[in-house]
Amino acid sequence: MIFTLFILSLTAMNMIKSETCTSTNKGPVIPTTPLVIFLEKVQEAALQSYGYKGFDAKLYVDMSLKQNLSATVEAFNKLPRTVNGSIPTHDLDVFIGKYLNGADEDLVYVEPVDFVAEPEVFLPKVKNSEVRAWALEVHSLWKNLSRKVSDHVLENPELYTLIPLKNPVIIAGSRYREVYYWDSYWIIRGLLASKMYETAKGIVSNLVSLIDQFGYVLNGARAYYSNRSQPPLLAAMIVEIYNRTGDLDLVRRSLPALLKEYHFWNSGIHKVTIQDAQGSNHSLSRYYAMWNEPRPESSTIDSKTASKLPNICEKRQFYRELASAAESGWDFSSRWMRNEPDLTTTSTTSILPVDLNAFLLKMELDVAFLANLVGDTSIVARFTEASQNRQRAINCIFWNAEMGQWLDYWLGNSYTSEDIYKWEDIHQNKKSFASNFVPLWIELFNSDDITTRKVVQSLENSGLLQPAGIAGTLSNTGQQWDFPNGWPPVQHMIIEGLARSGLEEARALANDIVIRWIRTNYVAYKKTGAMYEKYDVTKCGAYGDGGVYAAQTGFGWANGVVLALLEEFGWPEDLKIDCY
């Protein structure tokens, strides 16, 4: 009875809030589970009892129950409270020990079936013995990050926030104890360099199963991530695996899910129609989470930030903008702020992002390629036409010839009664972000020498290129996707785009960035014994900082990018690996 009242009261509160804010807060909300709602209460109680020192909000929503939810909620509600409403530390300790399992008990270690200590023909272009020895250590980290879903989760899924996945997974590392969507692309690139084809296929099959269940790939494999996705790179993963293995069965099994995912990104709240300066209409996409509450994995932090806002409507819009920034993978950055460094001015849903539309162009090209392999000519024709339309849209809406970059576009209020936005030059964001160079990753753009030459000059003059890699932005706001941090996936996309161009100066710049990036990863590893989620690109051998949590190690996509770069570019025997 207590549990039922608990849930009913929350539902009533949500209905009241939604009714109040319907005019300003548009878009669907996918409700979370009663278990997640309860664990958010535990998270809040833990912050009140233990304080901020060493506090990680995500820890509490990753915990699982030892008993059913109703009994656990009843025991929690009976805990004593102090005058200010907090639970005495000892009482909360006892409750957590008796009723909750640790956050790392739902996934258990599993030996990868295809791991060997030194694969055959491993990184043949690496001639330096010191670099080769380190690369083998990075390769060995796949074993550390390999997990499978515990039998307990499969037997009692209602006690866990983890979404059961059939195949073994590679986790990102540290606090990220589950599968993440866009991380998986670079993890797979590294696994392919490590000849771990079965593990890579298993990851793809897991992501396909999420589309089958939800209609899109979740941000991560947790119940609290079901209201948003992440950059759509599943088709790209399948192309990479096919190019190594020729596995047509994987292609056939995955294609229906890719069509479903494509619809998700090109309809409803994600789809935006915009009219260019010549009066032609274009369809582009944006990030837009199906959520308007604090993110459960960060509920206490989001609520505190939102407390600066004057009313519930603005708070709920802010929560949607935060979740949408999380959907972008760039959480958080001045890129999404109207007024930096004020996080409460985050306005992700009002922006047409360059990189998302580059990813979707790549998806269109990749789906056409995959459909051609299995002989589905109608899909080939449909997606070829879609890719041509999106290429035109990217050139019309994002490209800025004067800057030599593709620029995010602020939607503003200039739209017709049919919800068609009208393009105006003033709405292009003229700031340099690393994401402005992501379209170069797509062959349609890097094969154009005139465009590539402008982009190379622009990147070299942008200020983003630093001694140890490419910074995400030029603004130092304290947010983790801002200066001075550089992130592995961004380095890799820009490097590959430059390297695959026909221009000598572009390939030379790619080689230069590779050397800077590999060196900083190597030196940080030798100093600390770890690979990092992000790096401070202003100095060689420094890992990144900023945001709301400590530097994370492991680290899936860092390992994958290093191995993929060493496979493609190698390392000469006489090239120094230490920092100068």
Protein backbone atom coordinates (compact mmCIF):
# COMPACT_ATOMS: atom_id res chain seq x y z
CA MET A 1 0.00 0.00 0.00
CA ILE A 2 2.80 2.42 0.91
CA PHE A 3 4.54 1.65 -2.37
CA THR A 4 1.33 2.20 -4.38
CA LEU A 5 0.75 5.59 -2.74
CA PHE A 6 4.40 6.50 -3.41
CA ILE A 7 4.00 5.86 -7.15
CA LEU A 8 0.53 7.45 -7.37
CA SER A 9 1.73 10.64 -5.73
CA LEU A 10 4.65 10.90 -8.16
CA THR A 11 2.33 10.31 -11.12
CA ALA A 12 -0.06 13.00 -9.90
CA MET A 13 2.78 15.48 -9.46
CA ASN A 14 4.01 14.78 -12.99
CA MET A 15 0.52 15.28 -14.42
CA ILE A 16 0.13 18.63 -12.66
CA LYS A 17 3.54 19.80 -13.86
CA SER A 18 2.89 18.66 -17.43
CA GLU A 19 -0.47 20.45 -17.55
CA THR A 20 1.16 23.65 -16.33
CA CYS A 21 3.89 23.61 -18.96
CA THR A 22 2.29 22.27 -22.12
CA SER A 23 2.65 25.56 -23.99
CA THR A 24 6.40 25.90 -23.43
CA ASN A 25 7.63 22.34 -23.13
CA LYS A 26 6.79 20.46 -26.30
CA GLY A 27 7.63 16.88 -27.03
CA PRO A 28 6.99 13.38 -25.72
CA VAL A 29 8.15 12.01 -22.39
CA ILE A 30 8.92 8.32 -22.04
CA PRO A 31 8.29 7.45 -18.39
CA THR A 32 11.00 5.77 -16.37
CA THR A 33 10.44 2.71 -14.17
CA PRO A 34 9.30 2.64 -10.52
CA LEU A 35 12.67 1.09 -9.62
CA VAL A 36 14.57 4.03 -11.13
CA ILE A 37 12.28 6.52 -9.35
CA PHE A 38 12.98 4.80 -6.03
CA LEU A 39 16.76 4.65 -6.58
CA GLU A 40 16.73 8.38 -7.29
CA LYS A 41 15.28 8.80 -3.77
CA VAL A 42 18.17 6.74 -2.42
CA GLN A 43 20.58 8.91 -4.40
CA GLU A 44 19.07 12.05 -2.86
CA ALA A 45 19.22 10.55 0.64
CA ALA A 46 22.85 9.54 0.13
CA LEU A 47 23.84 13.07 -0.84
CA GLN A 48 22.07 14.49 2.22
CA SER A 49 23.66 11.93 4.56
CA TYR A 50 27.17 11.53 3.11
CA GLY A 51 27.75 14.97 1.54
CA TYR A 52 29.44 15.91 -1.72
CA LYS A 53 32.92 14.55 -1.01
CA GLY A 54 33.42 11.52 -3.25
CA PHE A 55 29.73 11.50 -4.15
CA ASP A 56 28.79 9.95 -7.52
CA ALA A 57 25.09 10.18 -8.28
CA LYS A 58 25.22 7.41 -10.89
CA LEU A 59 26.37 4.86 -8.32
CA TYR A 60 22.94 4.72 -6.66
CA VAL A 61 20.79 4.22 -9.76
CA ASP A 62 23.12 1.41 -10.82
CA MET A 63 22.41 -0.51 -7.62
CA SER A 64 19.94 -3.40 -7.61
CA LEU A 65 17.49 -4.79 -5.08
CA LYS A 66 17.93 -7.82 -2.83
CA GLN A 67 14.17 -7.99 -2.21
CA ASN A 68 11.13 -6.88 -4.16
CA LEU A 69 10.58 -3.16 -4.68
CA SER A 70 7.51 -2.86 -2.46
CA ALA A 71 9.28 -4.29 0.61
CA THR A 72 12.38 -2.18 -0.07
CA VAL A 73 10.39 1.06 -0.39
CA GLU A 74 8.52 0.25 2.83
CA ALA A 75 11.80 -0.31 4.73
CA PHE A 76 13.25 2.90 3.28
CA ASN A 77 10.23 4.95 4.34
CA LYS A 78 10.57 3.68 7.91
CA LEU A 79 14.16 4.93 8.27
CA PRO A 80 14.57 7.65 10.92
CA ARG A 81 15.01 11.24 9.74
CA THR A 82 16.77 14.16 11.40
CA VAL A 83 15.19 17.60 11.73
CA ASN A 84 16.41 18.60 8.25
CA GLY A 85 14.99 15.40 6.73
CA SER A 86 18.25 13.52 6.25
CA ILE A 87 18.76 9.89 7.26
CA PRO A 88 21.49 9.30 9.87
CA THR A 89 24.60 7.91 8.15
CA HIS A 90 24.64 4.66 10.12
CA ASP A 91 20.99 3.93 9.37
CA LEU A 92 21.46 4.55 5.67
CA ASP A 93 24.58 2.35 5.65
CA VAL A 94 22.62 -0.48 7.26
CA PHE A 95 19.71 -0.06 4.84
CA ILE A 96 21.94 -0.11 1.75
CA GLY A 97 23.82 -3.15 3.02
CA LYS A 98 20.62 -5.06 3.78
CA TYR A 99 18.44 -4.14 0.81
CA LEU A 100 20.72 -3.14 -2.09
CA ASN A 101 23.45 -4.83 -4.13
CA GLY A 102 26.56 -3.02 -5.28
CA ALA A 103 26.52 -1.16 -8.58
CA ASP A 104 28.97 -3.56 -10.22
CA GLU A 105 27.19 -6.84 -9.44
CA ASP A 106 24.85 -7.01 -12.43
CA LEU A 107 27.65 -7.52 -14.96
CA VAL A 108 30.28 -10.18 -14.33
CA TYR A 109 33.68 -10.77 -15.89
CA VAL A 110 33.84 -13.06 -18.90
CA GLU A 111 36.90 -14.09 -20.90
CA PRO A 112 36.50 -12.92 -24.53
CA VAL A 113 36.25 -15.97 -26.79
CA ASP A 114 38.53 -14.47 -29.44
CA PHE A 115 41.22 -12.82 -27.34
CA VAL A 116 44.82 -13.92 -27.84
CA ALA A 117 47.77 -12.24 -26.18
CA GLU A 118 49.41 -11.40 -29.51
CA PRO A 119 47.16 -11.72 -32.58
CA GLU A 120 48.66 -12.76 -35.90
CA VAL A 121 49.71 -9.86 -38.13
CA PHE A 122 49.00 -7.39 -35.33
CA LEU A 123 49.67 -3.74 -36.28
CA PRO A 124 52.17 -4.55 -39.04
CA LYS A 125 53.03 -0.89 -39.65
CA VAL A 126 54.29 -0.39 -36.08
CA LYS A 127 58.06 -0.81 -36.40
CA ASN A 128 59.11 0.72 -33.06
CA SER A 129 59.49 -2.04 -30.43
CA GLU A 130 58.61 0.30 -27.55
CA VAL A 131 55.35 1.35 -29.21
CA ARG A 132 54.53 -2.26 -30.14
CA ALA A 133 55.00 -3.41 -26.53
CA TRP A 134 52.65 -0.65 -25.34
CA ALA A 135 50.09 -1.43 -28.07
CA LEU A 136 49.99 -5.03 -26.84
CA GLU A 137 49.28 -3.72 -23.33
CA VAL A 138 46.42 -1.60 -24.69
CA HIS A 139 45.18 -4.65 -26.61
CA SER A 140 45.19 -6.65 -23.35
CA LEU A 141 42.83 -4.11 -21.78
CA TRP A 142 39.94 -5.67 -23.76
CA LYS A 143 40.13 -8.54 -21.28
CA ASN A 144 39.75 -6.11 -18.34
CA LEU A 145 36.68 -4.50 -19.91
CA SER A 146 34.89 -7.69 -20.99
CA ARG A 147 31.62 -8.47 -19.20
CA LYS A 148 28.43 -10.48 -19.53
CA VAL A 149 25.05 -9.98 -17.90
CA SER A 150 24.81 -11.84 -14.59
CA ASP A 151 22.45 -14.81 -14.37
CA HIS A 152 20.73 -13.01 -11.49
CA VAL A 153 19.67 -10.22 -13.90
CA LEU A 154 18.28 -12.75 -16.35
CA GLU A 155 16.34 -14.50 -13.57
CA ASN A 156 14.95 -11.34 -11.89
CA PRO A 157 15.22 -8.41 -14.34
CA GLU A 158 12.71 -6.34 -12.34
CA LEU A 159 15.31 -5.92 -9.55
CA TYR A 160 17.86 -4.25 -11.85
CA THR A 161 18.20 -1.07 -13.89
CA LEU A 162 20.54 -2.91 -16.28
CA ILE A 163 18.90 -3.98 -19.54
CA PRO A 164 19.75 -7.64 -20.17
CA LEU A 165 21.80 -8.20 -23.32
CA LYS A 166 22.41 -11.62 -24.80
CA ASN A 167 26.06 -11.34 -25.83
CA PRO A 168 29.19 -10.39 -23.88
CA VAL A 169 29.97 -6.68 -23.91
CA ILE A 170 32.94 -4.35 -23.70
CA ILE A 171 32.24 -1.63 -21.15
CA ALA A 172 33.75 1.84 -21.35
CA GLY A 173 35.38 1.65 -17.90
CA SER A 174 35.31 3.08 -14.38
CA ARG A 175 31.83 4.45 -13.53
CA TYR A 176 30.52 3.40 -16.94
CA ARG A 177 29.62 -0.19 -16.13
CA GLU A 178 27.37 -0.84 -19.11
CA VAL A 179 27.33 -0.60 -22.91
CA TYR A 180 27.20 2.88 -24.48
CA TYR A 181 26.04 3.50 -28.00
CA TRP A 182 28.52 5.72 -29.79
CA ASP A 183 31.45 4.50 -27.67
CA SER A 184 30.83 1.11 -29.27
CA TYR A 185 31.88 2.31 -32.73
CA TRP A 186 35.42 3.11 -31.60
CA ILE A 187 35.56 0.08 -29.34
CA ILE A 188 34.72 -2.02 -32.41
CA ARG A 189 37.39 -0.26 -34.49
CA GLY A 190 39.89 -1.27 -31.84
CA LEU A 191 38.54 -4.82 -31.58
CA LEU A 192 38.93 -5.22 -35.33
CA ALA A 193 42.56 -4.12 -35.07
CA SER A 194 42.87 -6.75 -32.32
CA LYS A 195 41.28 -9.39 -34.63
CA MET A 196 38.43 -9.88 -32.12
CA TYR A 197 35.72 -10.27 -34.73
CA GLU A 198 33.27 -12.36 -32.68
CA THR A 199 33.27 -9.88 -29.80
CA ALA A 200 32.63 -7.05 -32.27
CA LYS A 201 29.71 -8.93 -33.87
CA GLY A 202 28.24 -9.63 -30.44
CA ILE A 203 28.24 -5.92 -29.60
CA VAL A 204 26.38 -5.13 -32.83
CA SER A 205 23.82 -7.87 -32.15
CA ASN A 206 23.22 -6.39 -28.71
CA LEU A 207 22.58 -2.93 -30.18
CA VAL A 208 20.24 -4.40 -32.81
CA SER A 209 18.28 -6.06 -29.99
CA LEU A 210 17.80 -2.63 -28.36
CA ILE A 211 16.24 -1.33 -31.59
CA ASP A 212 13.99 -4.38 -31.70
CA GLN A 213 12.87 -3.64 -28.14
CA PHE A 214 12.71 0.17 -28.08
CA GLY A 215 12.77 1.37 -31.70
CA TYR A 216 16.21 2.98 -31.34
CA VAL A 217 19.55 2.30 -29.67
CA LEU A 218 19.53 3.67 -26.15
CA ASN A 219 22.21 6.06 -24.92
CA GLY A 220 23.32 3.17 -22.68
CA ALA A 221 21.96 -0.20 -21.57
CA ARG A 222 20.13 1.05 -18.47
CA ALA A 223 16.43 1.60 -17.87
CA TYR A 224 17.07 5.27 -17.11
CA TYR A 225 18.55 5.82 -20.58
CA SER A 226 15.39 4.73 -22.42
CA ASN A 227 14.34 8.33 -23.13
CA ARG A 228 17.20 9.17 -25.50
CA SER A 229 19.66 7.73 -27.98
CA GLN A 230 23.21 8.76 -28.93
CA PRO A 231 24.98 9.57 -32.23
CA PRO A 232 23.73 6.95 -34.73
CA LEU A 233 26.75 4.90 -35.80
CA LEU A 234 25.36 1.35 -35.85
CA ALA A 235 25.35 1.11 -39.65
CA ALA A 236 28.97 2.28 -39.66
CA MET A 237 29.88 -0.48 -37.18
CA ILE A 238 28.28 -3.12 -39.41
CA VAL A 239 30.11 -1.82 -42.51
CA GLU A 240 33.45 -1.98 -40.68
CA ILE A 241 32.78 -5.55 -39.52
CA TYR A 242 31.61 -6.65 -42.98
CA ASN A 243 34.73 -5.19 -44.60
CA ARG A 244 36.86 -7.40 -42.32
CA THR A 245 34.78 -10.56 -42.18
CA GLY A 246 32.43 -10.62 -45.19
CA ASP A 247 29.63 -11.67 -42.83
CA LEU A 248 26.51 -11.28 -45.01
CA ASP A 249 24.29 -12.94 -42.43
CA LEU A 250 25.03 -10.12 -39.97
CA VAL A 251 24.09 -7.61 -42.67
CA ARG A 252 20.78 -9.36 -43.42
CA ARG A 253 19.84 -9.64 -39.76
CA SER A 254 20.68 -6.00 -39.03
CA LEU A 255 19.09 -4.24 -41.99
CA PRO A 256 15.47 -4.13 -40.67
CA ALA A 257 16.71 -2.59 -37.41
CA LEU A 258 18.72 0.04 -39.30
CA LEU A 259 15.59 1.06 -41.21
CA LYS A 260 13.72 1.42 -37.94
CA GLU A 261 16.54 3.49 -36.43
CA TYR A 262 16.67 5.71 -39.51
CA HIS A 263 12.96 6.47 -39.11
CA PHE A 264 13.53 7.42 -35.46
CA TRP A 265 16.09 10.07 -36.43
CA ASN A 266 14.15 11.41 -39.41
CA SER A 267 10.64 11.85 -38.06
CA GLY A 268 8.73 13.54 -35.25
CA ILE A 269 10.72 15.67 -32.81
CA HIS A 270 14.08 14.91 -34.42
CA LYS A 271 13.08 16.11 -37.89
CA VAL A 272 13.35 19.78 -38.86
CA THR A 273 12.38 21.34 -42.20
CA ILE A 274 14.38 24.40 -43.18
CA GLN A 275 14.14 26.61 -46.24
CA ASP A 276 17.42 27.82 -47.72
CA ALA A 277 18.16 31.27 -49.17
CA GLN A 278 16.96 30.15 -52.62
CA GLY A 279 13.59 28.97 -51.28
CA SER A 280 14.27 25.21 -51.39
CA ASN A 281 13.18 23.09 -48.41
CA HIS A 282 15.53 20.63 -46.71
CA SER A 283 14.99 17.97 -44.05
CA LEU A 284 17.65 17.83 -41.34
CA SER A 285 17.79 16.35 -37.86
CA ARG A 286 18.50 17.50 -34.31
CA TYR A 287 19.00 15.98 -30.88
CA TYR A 288 15.78 15.94 -28.85
CA ALA A 289 15.39 13.76 -25.76
CA MET A 290 12.01 12.36 -24.75
CA TRP A 291 12.38 13.59 -21.20
CA ASN A 292 11.76 16.69 -19.04
CA GLU A 293 12.89 15.68 -15.53
CA PRO A 294 16.34 15.57 -13.93
CA ARG A 295 18.36 12.75 -15.53
CA PRO A 296 18.17 9.87 -13.00
CA GLU A 297 21.90 9.16 -13.21
CA SER A 298 22.51 12.78 -12.26
CA SER A 299 19.26 13.72 -10.56
CA THR A 300 20.65 15.56 -7.53
CA ILE A 301 23.11 17.54 -9.65
CA ASP A 302 20.55 18.50 -12.32
CA SER A 303 18.07 19.58 -9.64
CA LYS A 304 20.67 21.78 -7.97
CA THR A 305 21.59 23.46 -11.28
CA ALA A 306 17.91 23.97 -12.13
CA SER A 307 17.25 25.62 -8.75
CA LYS A 308 18.60 28.84 -10.31
CA LEU A 309 15.61 28.93 -12.66
CA PRO A 310 12.46 30.79 -11.55
CA ASN A 311 9.62 28.36 -12.32
CA ILE A 312 8.73 24.75 -13.04
CA CYS A 313 8.21 25.37 -16.77
CA GLU A 314 11.74 26.69 -17.28
CA LYS A 315 13.14 23.89 -15.16
CA ARG A 316 11.39 21.23 -17.20
CA GLN A 317 12.60 22.75 -20.45
CA PHE A 318 16.12 22.89 -19.01
CA TYR A 319 15.95 19.20 -18.08
CA ARG A 320 14.95 18.36 -21.66
CA GLU A 321 17.84 20.42 -23.00
CA LEU A 322 20.31 18.65 -20.68
CA ALA A 323 19.05 15.21 -21.71
CA SER A 324 19.24 16.26 -25.37
CA ALA A 325 22.85 17.35 -24.90
CA ALA A 326 23.48 13.92 -23.37
CA GLU A 327 21.93 12.40 -26.49
CA SER A 328 24.53 14.29 -28.55
CA GLY A 329 27.40 12.74 -26.59
CA TRP A 330 28.74 16.27 -25.96
CA ASP A 331 27.55 16.53 -22.36
CA PHE A 332 28.27 19.27 -21.63
CA SER A 333 29.70 22.08 -23.70
CA SER A 334 29.45 25.78 -24.48
CA ARG A 335 28.45 24.57 -27.93
CA TRP A 336 24.89 24.17 -26.65
CA MET A 337 24.74 27.31 -24.46
CA ARG A 338 23.10 30.58 -25.41
CA ASN A 339 25.20 32.38 -22.82
CA GLU A 340 28.40 30.63 -21.78
CA PRO A 341 29.43 29.56 -19.21
CA ASP A 342 25.85 29.40 -17.82
CA LEU A 343 24.75 25.77 -18.10
CA THR A 344 21.12 26.76 -17.52
CA THR A 345 21.15 28.44 -20.96
CA THR A 346 21.73 25.06 -22.64
CA SER A 347 19.42 24.98 -25.69
CA THR A 348 20.32 21.80 -27.55
CA THR A 349 16.90 21.32 -29.17
CA SER A 350 17.16 24.77 -30.81
CA ILE A 351 20.27 23.77 -32.74
CA LEU A 352 20.72 21.86 -35.98
CA PRO A 353 24.03 20.09 -35.30
CA VAL A 354 26.63 19.63 -38.02
CA ASP A 355 27.92 16.30 -36.69
CA LEU A 356 24.53 14.59 -36.26
CA ASN A 357 23.67 15.31 -39.88
CA ALA A 358 27.09 14.10 -41.00
CA PHE A 359 26.45 10.86 -39.07
CA LEU A 360 23.05 10.51 -40.73
CA LEU A 361 24.58 11.13 -44.17
CA LYS A 362 27.07 8.37 -43.39
CA MET A 363 24.18 6.17 -42.26
CA GLU A 364 22.38 6.77 -45.56
CA LEU A 365 25.49 5.85 -47.55
CA ASP A 366 26.18 2.83 -45.33
CA VAL A 367 22.61 1.48 -45.51
CA ALA A 368 22.68 1.83 -49.31
CA PHE A 369 25.98 -0.10 -49.34
CA LEU A 370 24.63 -2.84 -47.07
CA ALA A 371 21.33 -3.13 -48.97
CA ASN A 372 23.28 -3.50 -52.20
CA LEU A 373 25.18 -6.44 -50.70
CA VAL A 374 21.93 -8.33 -50.10
CA GLY A 375 20.36 -7.24 -53.40
CA ASP A 376 17.60 -4.96 -52.10
CA THR A 377 17.53 -2.42 -54.93
CA SER A 378 14.56 -0.44 -53.57
CA ILE A 379 16.43 0.37 -50.32
CA VAL A 380 19.54 1.22 -52.33
CA ALA A 381 17.60 3.71 -54.45
CA ARG A 382 15.78 5.23 -51.48
CA PHE A 383 18.91 5.76 -49.37
CA THR A 384 21.04 6.94 -52.28
CA GLU A 385 18.47 9.65 -52.97
CA ALA A 386 18.30 10.49 -49.24
CA SER A 387 22.10 10.86 -49.10
CA GLN A 388 22.08 13.19 -52.10
CA ASN A 389 19.38 15.31 -50.48
CA ARG A 390 21.24 15.49 -47.17
CA GLN A 391 24.52 16.36 -48.87
CA ARG A 392 22.79 19.32 -50.54
CA ALA A 393 21.22 20.32 -47.22
CA ILE A 394 24.58 20.19 -45.41
CA ASN A 395 26.14 22.38 -48.12
CA CYS A 396 23.25 24.88 -48.07
CA ILE A 397 22.58 25.15 -44.34
CA PHE A 398 25.89 24.44 -42.58
CA TRP A 399 28.78 25.25 -44.94
CA ASN A 400 30.45 28.63 -44.45
CA ALA A 401 32.96 29.21 -47.25
CA GLU A 402 34.47 32.28 -45.57
CA MET A 403 35.38 30.29 -42.44
CA GLY A 404 36.06 27.01 -44.26
CA GLN A 405 33.93 25.12 -41.73
CA TRP A 406 30.48 23.59 -41.42
CA LEU A 407 28.65 25.55 -38.71
CA ASP A 408 25.85 24.54 -36.33
CA TYR A 409 22.62 26.41 -37.06
CA TRP A 410 20.45 28.07 -34.40
CA LEU A 411 16.79 27.61 -35.32
CA GLY A 412 15.54 30.82 -33.75
CA ASN A 413 11.91 31.90 -34.30
CA SER A 414 11.94 32.50 -38.06
CA TYR A 415 9.50 29.83 -39.18
CA THR A 416 6.29 29.77 -41.17
CA SER A 417 2.86 28.52 -40.12
CA GLU A 418 3.86 25.12 -41.58
CA ASP A 419 6.77 24.91 -39.09
CA ILE A 420 9.33 25.48 -41.83
CA TYR A 421 12.32 27.46 -40.61
CA LYS A 422 13.86 30.03 -42.93
CA TRP A 423 17.65 30.05 -43.19
CA GLU A 424 19.42 33.26 -42.22
CA ASP A 425 23.17 33.77 -42.13
CA ILE A 426 23.03 35.35 -38.67
CA HIS A 427 21.81 32.05 -37.19
CA GLN A 428 24.95 30.11 -38.12
CA ASN A 429 27.11 29.70 -35.02
CA LYS A 430 30.38 31.34 -36.05
CA LYS A 431 32.41 29.81 -33.22
CA SER A 432 34.95 27.10 -34.01
CA PHE A 433 34.13 23.67 -32.56
CA ALA A 434 35.84 20.40 -33.37
CA SER A 435 32.43 19.13 -34.53
CA ASN A 436 32.55 21.70 -37.36
CA PHE A 437 35.13 19.46 -39.07
CA VAL A 438 33.32 16.12 -38.69
CA PRO A 439 31.76 16.21 -42.23
CA LEU A 440 35.29 15.75 -43.57
CA TRP A 441 34.99 12.17 -42.27
CA ILE A 442 32.43 11.50 -45.04
CA GLU A 443 33.87 10.60 -48.45
CA LEU A 444 31.47 12.93 -50.28
CA PHE A 445 33.27 15.86 -48.63
CA ASN A 446 36.89 14.68 -48.28
CA SER A 447 37.00 13.78 -51.99
CA ASP A 448 36.42 17.43 -52.93
CA ASP A 449 39.91 18.98 -53.08
CA ILE A 450 38.71 22.59 -53.06
CA THR A 451 36.60 22.09 -49.94
CA THR A 452 39.27 20.00 -48.22
CA ARG A 453 41.97 22.62 -48.83
CA LYS A 454 39.79 25.29 -47.21
CA VAL A 455 39.00 23.01 -44.26
CA VAL A 456 42.69 22.18 -43.70
CA GLN A 457 43.61 25.85 -43.62
CA SER A 458 40.69 26.61 -41.35
CA LEU A 459 41.59 23.85 -38.87
CA GLU A 460 45.22 24.97 -38.77
CA ASN A 461 44.16 28.58 -38.08
CA SER A 462 41.22 27.82 -35.75
CA GLY A 463 43.12 27.57 -32.46
CA LEU A 464 41.65 24.10 -31.87
CA LEU A 465 44.85 22.30 -32.89
CA GLN A 466 46.95 22.07 -29.74
CA PRO A 467 50.28 20.37 -28.84
CA ALA A 468 48.55 17.09 -27.90
CA GLY A 469 45.55 17.00 -30.23
CA ILE A 470 42.36 18.83 -31.19
CA ALA A 471 40.37 20.64 -28.48
CA GLY A 472 36.58 20.33 -28.49
CA THR A 473 36.03 24.10 -28.28
CA LEU A 474 37.96 27.30 -27.55
CA SER A 475 35.92 28.20 -24.45
CA ASN A 476 37.15 27.15 -21.02
CA THR A 477 33.87 26.90 -19.11
CA GLY A 478 34.81 24.02 -16.80
CA GLN A 479 32.50 21.70 -18.76
CA GLN A 480 34.23 18.53 -19.91
CA TRP A 481 33.62 18.91 -23.65
CA ASP A 482 35.15 22.39 -23.62
CA PHE A 483 38.74 23.61 -23.77
CA PRO A 484 41.32 22.28 -22.94
CA ASN A 485 39.91 18.77 -23.38
CA GLY A 486 40.23 16.67 -26.52
CA TRP A 487 38.24 13.47 -27.02
CA PRO A 488 39.31 10.27 -28.80
CA PRO A 489 36.35 9.95 -31.22
CA VAL A 490 36.72 13.51 -32.48
CA GLN A 491 40.45 13.07 -33.13
CA HIS A 492 39.77 9.87 -35.02
CA MET A 493 37.04 11.23 -37.29
CA ILE A 494 39.00 14.33 -38.26
CA ILE A 495 42.24 12.38 -38.76
CA GLU A 496 40.52 9.80 -40.96
CA GLY A 497 38.80 12.49 -42.99
CA LEU A 498 42.10 14.29 -43.61
CA ALA A 499 43.98 11.06 -44.37
CA ARG A 500 41.43 9.82 -46.91
CA SER A 501 41.53 13.06 -48.86
CA GLY A 502 43.51 13.29 -52.07
CA LEU A 503 45.45 16.30 -50.80
CA GLU A 504 49.03 15.91 -49.65
CA GLU A 505 48.72 18.75 -47.12
CA ALA A 506 45.62 17.10 -45.62
CA ARG A 507 47.37 13.76 -45.24
CA ALA A 508 50.40 15.50 -43.73
CA LEU A 509 48.19 17.23 -41.16
CA ALA A 510 46.53 13.90 -40.35
CA ASN A 511 49.93 12.32 -39.67
CA ASP A 512 50.92 15.24 -37.49
CA ILE A 513 47.77 14.94 -35.34
CA VAL A 514 48.25 11.16 -35.07
CA ILE A 515 51.73 11.66 -33.64
CA ARG A 516 50.52 14.26 -31.14
CA TRP A 517 47.60 12.08 -30.01
CA ILE A 518 49.48 8.78 -29.77
CA ARG A 519 52.27 10.44 -27.79
CA THR A 520 49.96 11.98 -25.21
CA ASN A 521 48.14 8.66 -24.71
CA TYR A 522 51.45 6.81 -24.38
CA VAL A 523 53.04 9.23 -21.91
CA ALA A 524 49.90 9.44 -19.74
CA TYR A 525 49.77 5.63 -19.71
CA LYS A 526 53.41 5.31 -18.72
CA LYS A 527 52.94 7.85 -15.91
CA THR A 528 49.70 6.46 -14.50
CA GLY A 529 49.23 2.94 -15.88
CA ALA A 530 45.85 3.87 -17.38
CA MET A 531 44.09 4.96 -20.56
CA TYR A 532 41.70 7.89 -20.15
CA GLU A 533 38.29 8.94 -21.40
CA LYS A 534 39.66 12.34 -22.50
CA TYR A 535 42.94 14.28 -22.51
CA ASP A 536 44.12 17.83 -21.87
CA VAL A 537 45.44 18.68 -25.33
CA THR A 538 47.43 21.72 -24.23
CA LYS A 539 50.24 19.54 -22.88
CA CYS A 540 51.60 16.13 -23.78
CA GLY A 541 50.81 13.34 -21.33
CA ALA A 542 48.00 15.11 -19.44
CA TYR A 543 44.58 13.54 -19.00
CA GLY A 544 41.39 15.61 -19.08
CA ASP A 545 39.30 17.07 -16.30
CA GLY A 546 36.16 19.16 -15.84
CA GLY A 547 32.49 18.36 -15.58
CA VAL A 548 30.91 16.72 -12.55
CA TYR A 549 33.00 13.56 -12.12
CA ALA A 550 36.67 12.62 -11.78
CA ALA A 551 38.78 11.52 -14.76
CA GLN A 552 37.67 8.06 -15.87
CA THR A 553 40.02 5.28 -16.84
CA GLY A 554 39.71 2.07 -18.83
CA PHE A 555 38.90 3.28 -21.41
CA GLY A 556 37.00 1.73 -24.28
CA TRP A 557 37.09 4.35 -27.00
CA ALA A 558 40.55 5.63 -26.07
CA ASN A 559 41.93 2.11 -26.51
CA GLY A 560 40.01 1.64 -29.75
CA VAL A 561 41.24 4.89 -31.30
CA VAL A 562 44.88 4.23 -30.39
CA LEU A 563 44.79 0.73 -31.90
CA ALA A 564 42.92 1.88 -35.02
CA LEU A 565 45.38 4.74 -35.59
CA LEU A 566 48.41 2.51 -35.07
CA GLU A 567 46.96 -0.02 -37.50
CA GLU A 568 46.36 2.61 -40.19
CA PHE A 569 49.35 4.89 -39.69
CA GLY A 570 51.90 2.71 -37.88
CA TRP A 571 54.90 4.12 -36.08
CA PRO A 572 58.41 4.30 -37.62
CA GLU A 573 61.25 2.62 -35.77
CA ASP A 574 63.21 5.86 -35.39
CA LEU A 575 60.30 8.15 -34.36
CA LYS A 576 60.49 9.22 -30.73
CA ILE A 577 57.41 8.25 -28.68
CA ASP A 578 58.08 10.29 -25.53
CA CYS A 579 57.07 13.95 -25.27
CA TYR A 580 59.70 16.38 -26.46
